[in-house]
Amino acid sequence: LLDEDGYVNSEPARHQVRALADAPPTITMLAPAADLVVSERATVRLVYEARDDFGLGQVAVAWQKPGRPLETVSVAMFRPSIPQTTGEHAWPLSSLDVRSGDTVTFWLQATDNDIVSGPKIGRSQSYTLEVVGFQEEHDRVEADLKKVHEDLVNLLGDEIEVHKQLQSLEKALAAGATLPFSPPAIQQKQAAARQAGEDLLKRLDQAVKRLETDPLAEYQTLSEFRSVHENLTQTVKGPISKAEKTLAGMPAWQPSQPDTAAAAQSVADAVADLERMSVLTEDVLQQQAMRDALATSEDLRNEADRLREDIQKAKVAPNAEK
């Protein structure tokens, strides 16, 4: 190359250009992040994050049953292509040909927009869906709700025990007697009760979500357990946590009567709330069990009627041939 005056640069700047091979896209399935047990008509919420150095063209969900061809359905298309994305997709299993007892392996895959050497595909980690029938799923949901009720009763028992200890502490303080329990020991029990309450809330939240997709569940059952979830949240965050905080602030061996009385009142409020919820969940579960029994009885009657019809048809058929 010559400059304006016609001279050649004797030491031109040299630059290296290195071509990089196009890498396949990467995609991560953020949710669900575990194998699932679902009913035939459940909707699976897929949350993902994908990126590519060339540009994303499509995200799809892929699934396969043992011995069956791979199937895919598009989740998102990108025109023009984009370098990265985070999104979610509601995947209705009713659109799949699945039955109770089927096991489906599924994953997400991202395709780049490489039109030179051809699109490349990256795939996420795979998980499995265990498909259960409506009755099977309904039975599992009811088992979850029964476990919630049992844990609720256990939490009530723990709070009753804490309340008795606080009452004994109050009496000892009023009489100037030796303390039967130390505030730290009671505080540890109350902290354990608060943690148990938080764990129970998580299990109840999962049970309610499964109940929402259970076609055999009564709306009354769903409504009542939603109410229990709301009330339990208020109880754990309110009197249970308040009692723990009051106990944590009390001197180890010199508790005051007002603080002890305040903690006892908070625990008494929690006990009253938990008693109401325990009675309610027991009643709701009993009513649901009665409805299930009636439904089973109706199913048995219908099956008996079908059998009688089949027998009658079998008797009539030979006569018709004659």
Protein backbone atom coordinates (compact mmCIF):
# COMPACT_ATOMS: atom_id res chain seq x y z
CA LEU A 1 0.00 0.00 0.00
CA LEU A 2 1.24 3.50 -0.83
CA ASP A 3 0.57 6.63 1.13
CA GLU A 4 -0.50 9.97 -0.41
CA ASP A 5 3.10 10.75 -1.35
CA GLY A 6 3.70 7.40 -2.97
CA TYR A 7 5.85 5.89 -0.26
CA VAL A 8 5.63 2.37 1.07
CA ASN A 9 5.52 1.76 4.83
CA SER A 10 8.59 -0.37 5.52
CA GLU A 11 7.24 -1.60 8.88
CA PRO A 12 3.49 -1.99 8.51
CA ALA A 13 1.38 -3.03 11.51
CA ARG A 14 0.54 -6.71 11.45
CA HIS A 15 -2.67 -8.13 12.93
CA GLN A 16 -3.59 -11.78 13.40
CA VAL A 17 -7.10 -12.97 12.61
CA ARG A 18 -8.03 -16.34 14.08
CA ALA A 19 -11.30 -18.04 13.15
CA LEU A 20 -13.14 -19.77 15.99
CA ALA A 21 -15.32 -22.78 15.42
CA ASP A 22 -19.01 -22.19 16.08
CA ALA A 23 -19.89 -23.82 19.40
CA PRO A 24 -23.28 -25.48 20.01
CA PRO A 25 -25.78 -23.61 22.19
CA THR A 26 -25.99 -24.22 25.93
CA ILE A 27 -29.32 -24.55 27.72
CA THR A 28 -30.10 -25.11 31.39
CA MET A 29 -33.46 -26.29 32.71
CA LEU A 30 -33.98 -24.20 35.86
CA ALA A 31 -37.32 -25.83 36.71
CA PRO A 32 -38.24 -28.52 37.24
CA ALA A 33 -34.86 -29.64 38.50
CA ALA A 34 -35.85 -33.17 39.49
CA ASP A 35 -37.82 -36.19 38.33
CA LEU A 36 -41.59 -35.73 38.66
CA VAL A 37 -44.65 -37.82 39.44
CA VAL A 38 -47.62 -36.31 37.59
CA SER A 39 -51.15 -37.09 36.52
CA GLU A 40 -52.13 -37.62 32.89
CA ARG A 41 -53.51 -34.09 32.52
CA ALA A 42 -50.96 -32.17 34.55
CA THR A 43 -49.22 -29.12 33.13
CA VAL A 44 -45.45 -29.00 33.72
CA ARG A 45 -43.91 -25.55 34.09
CA LEU A 46 -40.57 -25.41 32.29
CA VAL A 47 -38.13 -22.60 33.12
CA TYR A 48 -34.91 -22.34 31.14
CA GLU A 49 -31.85 -20.25 30.35
CA ALA A 50 -30.11 -20.54 26.96
CA ARG A 51 -27.23 -18.83 25.18
CA ASP A 52 -25.17 -19.18 22.00
CA ASP A 53 -22.12 -17.46 20.51
CA PHE A 54 -23.67 -17.32 17.02
CA GLY A 55 -27.26 -16.60 18.03
CA LEU A 56 -30.23 -18.64 19.22
CA GLY A 57 -32.83 -19.70 16.71
CA GLN A 58 -35.16 -21.94 18.71
CA VAL A 59 -35.84 -23.61 22.06
CA ALA A 60 -37.82 -26.85 22.10
CA VAL A 61 -38.87 -29.51 24.58
CA ALA A 62 -38.01 -33.08 23.62
CA TRP A 63 -39.41 -36.26 25.13
CA GLN A 64 -39.32 -39.98 24.56
CA LYS A 65 -41.07 -43.06 25.92
CA PRO A 66 -39.16 -46.36 26.03
CA GLY A 67 -39.26 -48.02 22.63
CA ARG A 68 -40.91 -45.01 20.98
CA PRO A 69 -39.52 -42.36 18.59
CA LEU A 70 -38.21 -39.06 19.91
CA GLU A 71 -40.75 -36.23 19.78
CA THR A 72 -40.22 -32.48 20.03
CA VAL A 73 -42.36 -29.37 20.17
CA SER A 74 -41.17 -25.78 19.81
CA VAL A 75 -41.19 -23.64 22.93
CA ALA A 76 -39.84 -20.38 21.48
CA MET A 77 -38.60 -19.08 18.10
CA PHE A 78 -36.20 -16.15 17.72
CA ARG A 79 -36.28 -14.04 14.55
CA PRO A 80 -33.85 -12.33 14.44
CA SER A 81 -31.62 -14.58 16.51
CA ILE A 82 -30.55 -13.47 19.99
CA PRO A 83 -27.41 -14.32 22.00
CA GLN A 84 -29.20 -15.42 25.19
CA THR A 85 -32.61 -15.72 26.79
CA THR A 86 -34.42 -16.76 29.93
CA GLY A 87 -37.98 -17.96 29.59
CA GLU A 88 -40.69 -20.35 30.69
CA HIS A 89 -43.27 -22.56 29.05
CA ALA A 90 -46.40 -24.35 30.25
CA TRP A 91 -46.21 -27.89 28.86
CA PRO A 92 -49.63 -29.64 28.99
CA LEU A 93 -49.27 -33.41 29.22
CA SER A 94 -52.76 -33.77 27.78
CA SER A 95 -51.14 -33.04 24.39
CA LEU A 96 -48.97 -36.17 24.76
CA ASP A 97 -50.10 -39.73 24.19
CA VAL A 98 -49.37 -40.85 27.76
CA ARG A 99 -51.25 -43.17 30.07
CA SER A 100 -51.04 -44.19 33.69
CA GLY A 101 -47.88 -46.20 34.23
CA ASP A 102 -45.91 -44.52 31.44
CA THR A 103 -42.43 -43.16 32.09
CA VAL A 104 -41.31 -40.27 29.89
CA THR A 105 -37.76 -38.93 29.62
CA PHE A 106 -37.69 -35.23 28.72
CA TRP A 107 -35.22 -32.41 28.24
CA LEU A 108 -34.92 -29.00 26.60
CA GLN A 109 -32.83 -28.33 23.52
CA ALA A 110 -31.63 -25.10 21.95
CA THR A 111 -30.79 -24.68 18.23
CA ASP A 112 -28.52 -21.91 16.97
CA ASN A 113 -29.05 -19.88 13.79
CA ASP A 114 -25.90 -20.95 11.96
CA ILE A 115 -26.77 -20.90 8.23
CA VAL A 116 -23.15 -21.41 7.14
CA SER A 117 -22.14 -24.80 8.52
CA GLY A 118 -25.62 -25.77 9.63
CA PRO A 119 -27.62 -25.35 12.88
CA LYS A 120 -26.15 -26.92 15.99
CA ILE A 121 -28.16 -28.25 18.92
CA GLY A 122 -27.42 -28.14 22.64
CA ARG A 123 -29.49 -30.01 25.21
CA SER A 124 -30.19 -29.64 28.91
CA GLN A 125 -30.05 -32.26 31.60
CA SER A 126 -32.82 -34.83 31.21
CA TYR A 127 -35.43 -35.82 33.78
CA THR A 128 -38.24 -38.35 33.91
CA LEU A 129 -41.99 -38.06 34.31
CA GLU A 130 -43.79 -40.92 36.02
CA VAL A 131 -47.39 -40.72 34.86
CA VAL A 132 -50.06 -41.93 37.26
CA GLY A 133 -53.81 -42.25 36.83
CA PHE A 134 -56.26 -39.83 38.38
CA GLN A 135 -57.11 -42.22 41.21
CA GLU A 136 -53.46 -42.96 41.94
CA GLU A 137 -52.62 -39.27 42.02
CA HIS A 138 -55.68 -38.56 44.14
CA ASP A 139 -54.58 -41.22 46.66
CA ARG A 140 -51.10 -39.70 46.84
CA VAL A 141 -52.52 -36.22 47.39
CA GLU A 142 -54.74 -37.51 50.19
CA ALA A 143 -51.72 -39.23 51.78
CA ASP A 144 -49.87 -35.90 51.67
CA LEU A 145 -52.79 -34.11 53.31
CA LYS A 146 -53.03 -36.75 56.04
CA LYS A 147 -49.32 -36.28 56.74
CA VAL A 148 -49.89 -32.52 56.96
CA HIS A 149 -52.65 -33.11 59.50
CA GLU A 150 -50.40 -35.40 61.56
CA ASP A 151 -47.58 -32.84 61.54
CA LEU A 152 -50.06 -30.14 62.53
CA VAL A 153 -51.16 -32.21 65.53
CA ASN A 154 -47.52 -32.83 66.48
CA LEU A 155 -46.78 -29.11 66.31
CA LEU A 156 -49.80 -28.47 68.52
CA GLY A 157 -48.45 -30.98 71.06
CA ASP A 158 -45.05 -29.25 71.07
CA GLU A 159 -46.62 -25.85 71.72
CA ILE A 160 -48.83 -27.24 74.50
CA GLU A 161 -45.68 -28.59 76.18
CA VAL A 162 -43.92 -25.21 75.88
CA HIS A 163 -46.97 -23.47 77.31
CA LYS A 164 -47.02 -25.82 80.33
CA GLN A 165 -43.34 -25.08 80.99
CA LEU A 166 -43.94 -21.34 80.80
CA GLN A 167 -46.86 -21.63 83.22
CA SER A 168 -44.61 -23.53 85.67
CA LEU A 169 -41.98 -20.82 85.26
CA GLU A 170 -44.57 -18.12 85.96
CA LYS A 171 -45.68 -19.82 89.17
CA ALA A 172 -42.08 -20.25 90.37
CA LEU A 173 -41.30 -16.58 89.71
CA ALA A 174 -44.44 -15.47 91.55
CA ALA A 175 -43.55 -17.64 94.57
CA GLY A 176 -39.85 -16.81 94.51
CA ALA A 177 -39.10 -20.54 94.19
CA THR A 178 -36.39 -22.33 92.27
CA LEU A 179 -36.98 -22.15 88.55
CA PRO A 180 -38.11 -25.52 87.18
CA PHE A 181 -36.89 -24.65 83.68
CA SER A 182 -34.32 -22.23 82.28
CA PRO A 183 -35.43 -19.73 79.62
CA PRO A 184 -32.73 -20.97 77.17
CA ALA A 185 -34.10 -24.53 77.37
CA ILE A 186 -37.65 -23.32 76.68
CA GLN A 187 -36.36 -21.02 73.94
CA GLN A 188 -34.70 -23.97 72.19
CA LYS A 189 -37.97 -25.88 72.21
CA GLN A 190 -39.82 -22.87 70.86
CA ALA A 191 -37.19 -22.38 68.14
CA ALA A 192 -37.63 -26.04 67.16
CA ALA A 193 -41.39 -25.52 67.04
CA ARG A 194 -40.98 -22.48 64.81
CA GLN A 195 -38.71 -24.46 62.45
CA ALA A 196 -41.21 -27.33 62.42
CA GLY A 197 -43.92 -24.83 61.53
CA GLU A 198 -41.90 -23.46 58.62
CA ASP A 199 -41.18 -26.97 57.33
CA LEU A 200 -44.86 -27.82 57.62
CA LEU A 201 -45.76 -24.72 55.59
CA LYS A 202 -43.52 -25.90 52.76
CA ARG A 203 -45.12 -29.35 52.74
CA LEU A 204 -48.60 -27.84 52.90
CA ASP A 205 -47.79 -25.51 50.01
CA GLN A 206 -46.70 -28.48 47.87
CA ALA A 207 -49.79 -30.46 48.88
CA VAL A 208 -52.12 -27.59 47.95
CA LYS A 209 -50.45 -27.23 44.55
CA ARG A 210 -50.97 -30.93 43.87
CA LEU A 211 -54.54 -30.64 45.13
CA GLU A 212 -55.18 -27.87 42.59
CA THR A 213 -54.45 -30.28 39.73
CA ASP A 214 -56.32 -33.25 41.21
CA PRO A 215 -59.52 -33.69 39.16
CA LEU A 216 -61.01 -36.04 41.78
CA ALA A 217 -60.65 -33.60 44.67
CA GLU A 218 -63.60 -31.56 45.87
CA TYR A 219 -63.31 -27.78 45.62
CA GLN A 220 -64.33 -27.54 49.27
CA THR A 221 -61.26 -29.56 50.25
CA LEU A 222 -59.00 -27.29 48.21
CA SER A 223 -60.62 -24.17 49.63
CA GLU A 224 -60.31 -25.36 53.24
CA PHE A 225 -56.64 -26.31 52.90
CA ARG A 226 -55.87 -22.98 51.22
CA SER A 227 -57.41 -21.35 54.27
CA VAL A 228 -55.32 -23.56 56.58
CA HIS A 229 -52.17 -22.54 54.69
CA GLU A 230 -53.01 -18.87 55.11
CA ASN A 231 -53.83 -19.26 58.82
CA LEU A 232 -50.75 -21.36 59.52
CA THR A 233 -48.56 -18.76 57.83
CA GLN A 234 -49.98 -16.09 60.14
CA THR A 235 -49.53 -18.32 63.20
CA VAL A 236 -45.91 -19.22 62.44
CA LYS A 237 -44.93 -15.66 61.58
CA GLY A 238 -47.04 -14.26 64.43
CA PRO A 239 -47.38 -15.81 67.90
CA ILE A 240 -44.92 -18.69 67.39
CA SER A 241 -42.10 -16.43 66.21
CA LYS A 242 -43.06 -13.74 68.72
CA ALA A 243 -42.77 -16.19 71.63
CA GLU A 244 -39.37 -17.37 70.39
CA LYS A 245 -38.13 -13.77 70.14
CA THR A 246 -39.38 -12.92 73.64
CA LEU A 247 -37.70 -16.01 75.12
CA ALA A 248 -34.44 -15.28 73.29
CA GLY A 249 -34.28 -11.85 74.90
CA MET A 250 -34.80 -13.07 78.48
CA PRO A 251 -31.81 -13.40 80.88
CA ALA A 252 -30.76 -17.00 81.35
CA TRP A 253 -31.44 -17.26 85.10
CA GLN A 254 -33.26 -14.02 85.90
CA PRO A 255 -36.36 -13.93 83.71
CA SER A 256 -38.92 -11.29 84.46
CA GLN A 257 -42.54 -12.08 85.16
CA PRO A 258 -43.82 -9.71 82.44
CA ASP A 259 -41.61 -11.32 79.76
CA THR A 260 -42.59 -14.81 80.88
CA ALA A 261 -46.28 -13.87 80.85
CA ALA A 262 -45.91 -12.31 77.38
CA ALA A 263 -44.23 -15.43 76.00
CA ALA A 264 -46.89 -17.65 77.61
CA GLN A 265 -49.66 -15.56 76.05
CA SER A 266 -48.07 -15.79 72.59
CA VAL A 267 -47.78 -19.57 72.90
CA ALA A 268 -51.37 -19.78 74.17
CA ASP A 269 -52.50 -17.86 71.06
CA ALA A 270 -50.54 -20.29 68.88
CA VAL A 271 -52.10 -23.28 70.66
CA ALA A 272 -55.60 -21.90 70.08
CA ASP A 273 -54.87 -21.36 66.36
CA LEU A 274 -53.33 -24.81 65.93
CA GLU A 275 -56.25 -26.48 67.70
CA ARG A 276 -58.72 -24.88 65.29
CA MET A 277 -56.65 -25.90 62.28
CA SER A 278 -56.20 -29.46 63.56
CA VAL A 279 -59.95 -29.90 64.04
CA LEU A 280 -60.66 -28.35 60.63
CA THR A 281 -58.19 -30.54 58.71
CA GLU A 282 -59.51 -33.66 60.44
CA ASP A 283 -63.10 -32.78 59.53
CA VAL A 284 -62.18 -31.97 55.91
CA LEU A 285 -60.26 -35.23 55.49
CA GLN A 286 -63.15 -37.23 56.95
CA GLN A 287 -65.62 -35.56 54.58
CA GLN A 288 -63.33 -36.19 51.61
CA ALA A 289 -62.99 -39.85 52.66
CA MET A 290 -66.79 -40.17 52.79
CA ARG A 291 -67.14 -38.65 49.32
CA ASP A 292 -64.44 -41.00 48.01
CA ALA A 293 -66.26 -43.97 49.51
CA LEU A 294 -69.52 -42.90 47.86
CA ALA A 295 -67.75 -42.43 44.53
CA THR A 296 -66.17 -45.88 44.82
CA SER A 297 -69.54 -47.39 45.62
CA GLU A 298 -71.05 -45.68 42.58
CA ASP A 299 -68.20 -46.97 40.39
CA LEU A 300 -68.79 -50.51 41.67
CA ARG A 301 -72.52 -50.27 40.92
CA ASN A 302 -71.81 -49.01 37.41
CA GLU A 303 -69.32 -51.83 36.84
CA ALA A 304 -71.86 -54.37 38.07
CA ASP A 305 -74.45 -52.94 35.68
CA ARG A 306 -72.01 -53.23 32.77
CA LEU A 307 -71.24 -56.84 33.68
CA ARG A 308 -74.95 -57.70 33.79
CA GLU A 309 -75.44 -56.10 30.38
CA ASP A 310 -72.50 -58.06 28.95
CA ILE A 311 -73.90 -61.31 30.38
CA GLN A 312 -77.33 -60.56 28.94
CA LYS A 313 -75.84 -59.81 25.52
CA ALA A 314 -73.89 -63.06 25.66
CA LYS A 315 -77.12 -64.99 26.34
CA VAL A 316 -79.02 -63.27 23.56
CA ALA A 317 -76.32 -63.67 20.90
CA PRO A 318 -76.60 -67.51 20.50
CA ASN A 319 -80.40 -67.30 20.17
CA ALA A 320 -80.06 -64.63 17.50
CA GLU A 321 -77.75 -66.89 15.47
CA LYS A 322 -80.36 -69.70 15.52
